[in-house]
Amino acid sequence: SRSELKIIGIEPIVDMVNFANKKNVDERCNFICEDIINVELQNAALIISYYTMQFIHTNVRQNVFDKIYNSLNWGGAFLLFEKVRAPDARFQDYSNQIYSDFKLNQGFNEAEIVHKTRSLKGIMEPFSEQGNIDMIKRAGFKDISCIFKWVSFAGFIAIK
């Protein structure tokens, strides 16, 4: 039933949590200001990671995938959307150019694009599409499918 639904957002940046709380109009939704590494996840039917794993340090990222798998109910789903690296340098260059052209066509100027790229350097560490699939598999998922792909962005569903 509708009253049983609980939505929990986990975010380590206090300004983002405050912003989410200001926008939230659903009492079933709660935001936690914490690093996912420190949170004990409740049993869940669905977990969504929307462009967040790429910001988790690579030496603990597998732990987060494992934690997600372990907290899902049998038959539960994990939706993962990430920026992904291309399988080799040539395709990475193509992807970067296509995405820069897209941003220019959306009205961003070159300075804004360069500033955003520099601001994420050292903070965001995306893996390849295969690298993400490998981490999902190591966590224990067997049924995995790519459900979205656009240039350097991919979405996956994994069922426990």
C-alpha atoms as a PDB file:
ATOM      1  CA  SER A   1       0.000   0.000   0.000  1.00  0.00           C
ATOM      2  CA  ARG A   2       0.987   3.622  -0.441  1.00  0.00           C
ATOM      3  CA  SER A   3       1.641   4.132   3.286  1.00  0.00           C
ATOM      4  CA  GLU A   4       4.308   1.380   3.326  1.00  0.00           C
ATOM      5  CA  LEU A   5       6.510   3.157   0.808  1.00  0.00           C
ATOM      6  CA  LYS A   6       9.650   4.705   2.293  1.00  0.00           C
ATOM      7  CA  ILE A   7      12.120   6.719   0.254  1.00  0.00           C
ATOM      8  CA  ILE A   8      15.504   7.437   1.783  1.00  0.00           C
ATOM      9  CA  GLY A   9      17.990   9.726   0.092  1.00  0.00           C
ATOM     10  CA  ILE A  10      21.608   9.540   1.214  1.00  0.00           C
ATOM     11  CA  GLU A  11      23.832  12.522   0.455  1.00  0.00           C
ATOM     12  CA  PRO A  12      27.105  13.595   2.103  1.00  0.00           C
ATOM     13  CA  ILE A  13      26.844  17.311   1.198  1.00  0.00           C
ATOM     14  CA  VAL A  14      24.760  19.264   3.732  1.00  0.00           C
ATOM     15  CA  ASP A  15      23.744  21.973   1.215  1.00  0.00           C
ATOM     16  CA  MET A  16      22.346  19.306  -1.106  1.00  0.00           C
ATOM     17  CA  VAL A  17      20.370  17.711   1.749  1.00  0.00           C
ATOM     18  CA  ASN A  18      18.996  21.122   2.795  1.00  0.00           C
ATOM     19  CA  PHE A  19      17.989  21.828  -0.817  1.00  0.00           C
ATOM     20  CA  ALA A  20      16.264  18.427  -1.095  1.00  0.00           C
ATOM     21  CA  ASN A  21      14.436  18.956   2.199  1.00  0.00           C
ATOM     22  CA  LYS A  22      13.136  22.346   0.996  1.00  0.00           C
ATOM     23  CA  LYS A  23      11.778  20.736  -2.189  1.00  0.00           C
ATOM     24  CA  ASN A  24      10.366  17.633  -0.467  1.00  0.00           C
ATOM     25  CA  VAL A  25       6.583  17.527  -0.086  1.00  0.00           C
ATOM     26  CA  ASP A  26       6.210  13.810   0.719  1.00  0.00           C
ATOM     27  CA  GLU A  27       6.342  12.697   4.352  1.00  0.00           C
ATOM     28  CA  ARG A  28       7.424   9.216   3.191  1.00  0.00           C
ATOM     29  CA  CYS A  29      10.663  10.704   1.883  1.00  0.00           C
ATOM     30  CA  ASN A  30      13.622  11.324   4.196  1.00  0.00           C
ATOM     31  CA  PHE A  31      17.099  12.638   3.432  1.00  0.00           C
ATOM     32  CA  ILE A  32      20.159  11.609   5.406  1.00  0.00           C
ATOM     33  CA  CYS A  33      23.296  13.749   5.405  1.00  0.00           C
ATOM     34  CA  GLU A  34      25.916  11.017   5.559  1.00  0.00           C
ATOM     35  CA  ASP A  35      28.451   9.147   3.472  1.00  0.00           C
ATOM     36  CA  ILE A  36      26.981   5.903   2.119  1.00  0.00           C
ATOM     37  CA  ILE A  37      30.005   4.082   3.576  1.00  0.00           C
ATOM     38  CA  ASN A  38      28.780   4.928   7.103  1.00  0.00           C
ATOM     39  CA  VAL A  39      25.088   4.106   6.586  1.00  0.00           C
ATOM     40  CA  GLU A  40      23.544   0.749   7.430  1.00  0.00           C
ATOM     41  CA  LEU A  41      21.081   0.210   4.630  1.00  0.00           C
ATOM     42  CA  GLN A  42      17.623  -1.146   5.409  1.00  0.00           C
ATOM     43  CA  ASN A  43      16.113  -4.026   3.444  1.00  0.00           C
ATOM     44  CA  ALA A  44      14.872  -2.622   0.164  1.00  0.00           C
ATOM     45  CA  ALA A  45      12.997  -3.630  -2.964  1.00  0.00           C
ATOM     46  CA  LEU A  46      14.699  -0.968  -5.085  1.00  0.00           C
ATOM     47  CA  ILE A  47      17.923   1.000  -4.786  1.00  0.00           C
ATOM     48  CA  ILE A  48      18.809   3.736  -7.246  1.00  0.00           C
ATOM     49  CA  SER A  49      22.241   5.232  -7.681  1.00  0.00           C
ATOM     50  CA  TYR A  50      21.907   8.184 -10.033  1.00  0.00           C
ATOM     51  CA  TYR A  51      25.323   9.508 -11.083  1.00  0.00           C
ATOM     52  CA  THR A  52      26.806   9.040  -7.621  1.00  0.00           C
ATOM     53  CA  MET A  53      29.159   6.023  -7.660  1.00  0.00           C
ATOM     54  CA  GLN A  54      31.600   7.991  -9.789  1.00  0.00           C
ATOM     55  CA  PHE A  55      32.161  10.276  -6.769  1.00  0.00           C
ATOM     56  CA  ILE A  56      32.877   7.433  -4.318  1.00  0.00           C
ATOM     57  CA  HIS A  57      36.574   6.764  -3.838  1.00  0.00           C
ATOM     58  CA  THR A  58      37.674   3.822  -5.959  1.00  0.00           C
ATOM     59  CA  ASN A  59      39.177   1.916  -3.023  1.00  0.00           C
ATOM     60  CA  VAL A  60      35.776   1.631  -1.277  1.00  0.00           C
ATOM     61  CA  ARG A  61      33.442   1.581  -4.271  1.00  0.00           C
ATOM     62  CA  GLN A  62      33.191  -2.216  -4.369  1.00  0.00           C
ATOM     63  CA  ASN A  63      32.167  -2.145  -0.698  1.00  0.00           C
ATOM     64  CA  VAL A  64      29.227   0.081  -1.635  1.00  0.00           C
ATOM     65  CA  PHE A  65      28.123  -2.267  -4.425  1.00  0.00           C
ATOM     66  CA  ASP A  66      28.371  -5.171  -1.950  1.00  0.00           C
ATOM     67  CA  LYS A  67      26.336  -3.246   0.642  1.00  0.00           C
ATOM     68  CA  ILE A  68      23.634  -2.538  -1.927  1.00  0.00           C
ATOM     69  CA  TYR A  69      23.424  -6.186  -2.991  1.00  0.00           C
ATOM     70  CA  ASN A  70      23.235  -7.381   0.613  1.00  0.00           C
ATOM     71  CA  SER A  71      20.448  -4.945   1.535  1.00  0.00           C
ATOM     72  CA  LEU A  72      18.185  -5.810  -1.409  1.00  0.00           C
ATOM     73  CA  ASN A  73      15.364  -8.263  -0.936  1.00  0.00           C
ATOM     74  CA  TRP A  74      15.440 -11.302  -3.198  1.00  0.00           C
ATOM     75  CA  GLY A  75      14.068 -10.164  -6.568  1.00  0.00           C
ATOM     76  CA  GLY A  76      14.907  -6.552  -5.718  1.00  0.00           C
ATOM     77  CA  ALA A  77      16.398  -4.241  -8.311  1.00  0.00           C
ATOM     78  CA  PHE A  78      19.416  -1.979  -8.393  1.00  0.00           C
ATOM     79  CA  LEU A  79      19.337   0.849 -10.930  1.00  0.00           C
ATOM     80  CA  LEU A  80      22.720   2.395 -11.636  1.00  0.00           C
ATOM     81  CA  PHE A  81      23.274   5.412 -13.873  1.00  0.00           C
ATOM     82  CA  GLU A  82      26.830   6.664 -14.347  1.00  0.00           C
ATOM     83  CA  LYS A  83      29.127   8.651 -16.532  1.00  0.00           C
ATOM     84  CA  VAL A  84      31.368   6.021 -18.119  1.00  0.00           C
ATOM     85  CA  ARG A  85      34.783   5.989 -19.695  1.00  0.00           C
ATOM     86  CA  ALA A  86      35.217   4.658 -23.206  1.00  0.00           C
ATOM     87  CA  PRO A  87      37.037   1.352 -23.669  1.00  0.00           C
ATOM     88  CA  ASP A  88      40.095   3.060 -25.171  1.00  0.00           C
ATOM     89  CA  ALA A  89      41.680   6.503 -25.583  1.00  0.00           C
ATOM     90  CA  ARG A  90      40.496   7.065 -29.153  1.00  0.00           C
ATOM     91  CA  PHE A  91      36.847   6.464 -28.264  1.00  0.00           C
ATOM     92  CA  GLN A  92      37.269   8.556 -25.096  1.00  0.00           C
ATOM     93  CA  ASP A  93      38.443  11.465 -27.251  1.00  0.00           C
ATOM     94  CA  TYR A  94      35.409  11.013 -29.536  1.00  0.00           C
ATOM     95  CA  SER A  95      33.068  10.898 -26.549  1.00  0.00           C
ATOM     96  CA  ASN A  96      34.599  14.020 -24.996  1.00  0.00           C
ATOM     97  CA  GLN A  97      34.227  15.926 -28.268  1.00  0.00           C
ATOM     98  CA  ILE A  98      30.618  14.834 -28.819  1.00  0.00           C
ATOM     99  CA  TYR A  99      29.704  15.788 -25.251  1.00  0.00           C
ATOM    100  CA  SER A 100      31.464  19.174 -25.521  1.00  0.00           C
ATOM    101  CA  ASP A 101      29.619  19.869 -28.778  1.00  0.00           C
ATOM    102  CA  PHE A 102      26.348  18.923 -27.073  1.00  0.00           C
ATOM    103  CA  LYS A 103      27.037  21.356 -24.215  1.00  0.00           C
ATOM    104  CA  LEU A 104      27.892  24.141 -26.676  1.00  0.00           C
ATOM    105  CA  ASN A 105      24.613  23.471 -28.508  1.00  0.00           C
ATOM    106  CA  GLN A 106      22.790  23.730 -25.155  1.00  0.00           C
ATOM    107  CA  GLY A 107      24.070  27.288 -24.702  1.00  0.00           C
ATOM    108  CA  PHE A 108      27.108  26.743 -22.489  1.00  0.00           C
ATOM    109  CA  ASN A 109      30.218  28.629 -23.495  1.00  0.00           C
ATOM    110  CA  GLU A 110      33.716  27.179 -23.726  1.00  0.00           C
ATOM    111  CA  ALA A 111      34.849  28.780 -20.459  1.00  0.00           C
ATOM    112  CA  GLU A 112      31.917  27.208 -18.578  1.00  0.00           C
ATOM    113  CA  ILE A 113      32.671  23.805 -20.086  1.00  0.00           C
ATOM    114  CA  VAL A 114      36.370  23.994 -19.191  1.00  0.00           C
ATOM    115  CA  HIS A 115      35.559  25.244 -15.663  1.00  0.00           C
ATOM    116  CA  LYS A 116      33.137  22.334 -15.061  1.00  0.00           C
ATOM    117  CA  THR A 117      35.681  19.814 -16.371  1.00  0.00           C
ATOM    118  CA  ARG A 118      38.395  21.226 -14.116  1.00  0.00           C
ATOM    119  CA  SER A 119      36.114  21.378 -11.073  1.00  0.00           C
ATOM    120  CA  LEU A 120      35.409  17.647 -11.377  1.00  0.00           C
ATOM    121  CA  LYS A 121      39.035  16.634 -11.902  1.00  0.00           C
ATOM    122  CA  GLY A 122      40.214  14.551  -8.976  1.00  0.00           C
ATOM    123  CA  ILE A 123      36.674  14.393  -7.536  1.00  0.00           C
ATOM    124  CA  MET A 124      34.875  12.302 -10.138  1.00  0.00           C
ATOM    125  CA  GLU A 125      36.401   8.984 -11.197  1.00  0.00           C
ATOM    126  CA  PRO A 126      34.129   7.204 -13.666  1.00  0.00           C
ATOM    127  CA  PHE A 127      34.771   3.591 -14.640  1.00  0.00           C
ATOM    128  CA  SER A 128      34.150   2.063 -18.047  1.00  0.00           C
ATOM    129  CA  GLU A 129      30.833   0.421 -18.787  1.00  0.00           C
ATOM    130  CA  GLN A 130      32.530  -2.967 -18.344  1.00  0.00           C
ATOM    131  CA  GLY A 131      34.180  -1.805 -15.108  1.00  0.00           C
ATOM    132  CA  ASN A 132      30.765  -0.999 -13.641  1.00  0.00           C
ATOM    133  CA  ILE A 133      29.325  -4.321 -14.812  1.00  0.00           C
ATOM    134  CA  ASP A 134      32.284  -6.156 -13.247  1.00  0.00           C
ATOM    135  CA  MET A 135      31.690  -4.441  -9.886  1.00  0.00           C
ATOM    136  CA  ILE A 136      27.976  -5.281 -10.044  1.00  0.00           C
ATOM    137  CA  LYS A 137      28.841  -8.936 -10.756  1.00  0.00           C
ATOM    138  CA  ARG A 138      31.433  -9.101  -7.957  1.00  0.00           C
ATOM    139  CA  ALA A 139      28.749  -7.876  -5.551  1.00  0.00           C
ATOM    140  CA  GLY A 140      26.709 -10.967  -6.397  1.00  0.00           C
ATOM    141  CA  PHE A 141      24.276  -9.850  -9.104  1.00  0.00           C
ATOM    142  CA  LYS A 142      23.762 -12.339 -11.937  1.00  0.00           C
ATOM    143  CA  ASP A 143      21.019 -10.671 -13.984  1.00  0.00           C
ATOM    144  CA  ILE A 144      22.347  -7.374 -15.362  1.00  0.00           C
ATOM    145  CA  SER A 145      21.248  -5.385 -18.384  1.00  0.00           C
ATOM    146  CA  CYS A 146      22.248  -2.047 -19.884  1.00  0.00           C
ATOM    147  CA  ILE A 147      19.020  -0.043 -20.179  1.00  0.00           C
ATOM    148  CA  PHE A 148      20.443   3.312 -21.259  1.00  0.00           C
ATOM    149  CA  LYS A 149      23.455   4.431 -23.284  1.00  0.00           C
ATOM    150  CA  TRP A 150      24.268   7.861 -24.655  1.00  0.00           C
ATOM    151  CA  VAL A 151      27.847   8.800 -25.529  1.00  0.00           C
ATOM    152  CA  SER A 152      29.589   8.731 -22.123  1.00  0.00           C
ATOM    153  CA  PHE A 153      26.561   7.899 -19.965  1.00  0.00           C
ATOM    154  CA  ALA A 154      25.085   4.490 -19.190  1.00  0.00           C
ATOM    155  CA  GLY A 155      22.304   3.011 -17.090  1.00  0.00           C
ATOM    156  CA  PHE A 156      22.046  -0.547 -15.817  1.00  0.00           C
ATOM    157  CA  ILE A 157      19.482  -2.668 -14.034  1.00  0.00           C
ATOM    158  CA  ALA A 158      20.625  -5.549 -11.848  1.00  0.00           C
ATOM    159  CA  ILE A 159      18.189  -7.967 -10.217  1.00  0.00           C
ATOM    160  CA  LYS A 160      19.042  -9.930  -7.070  1.00  0.00           C
END
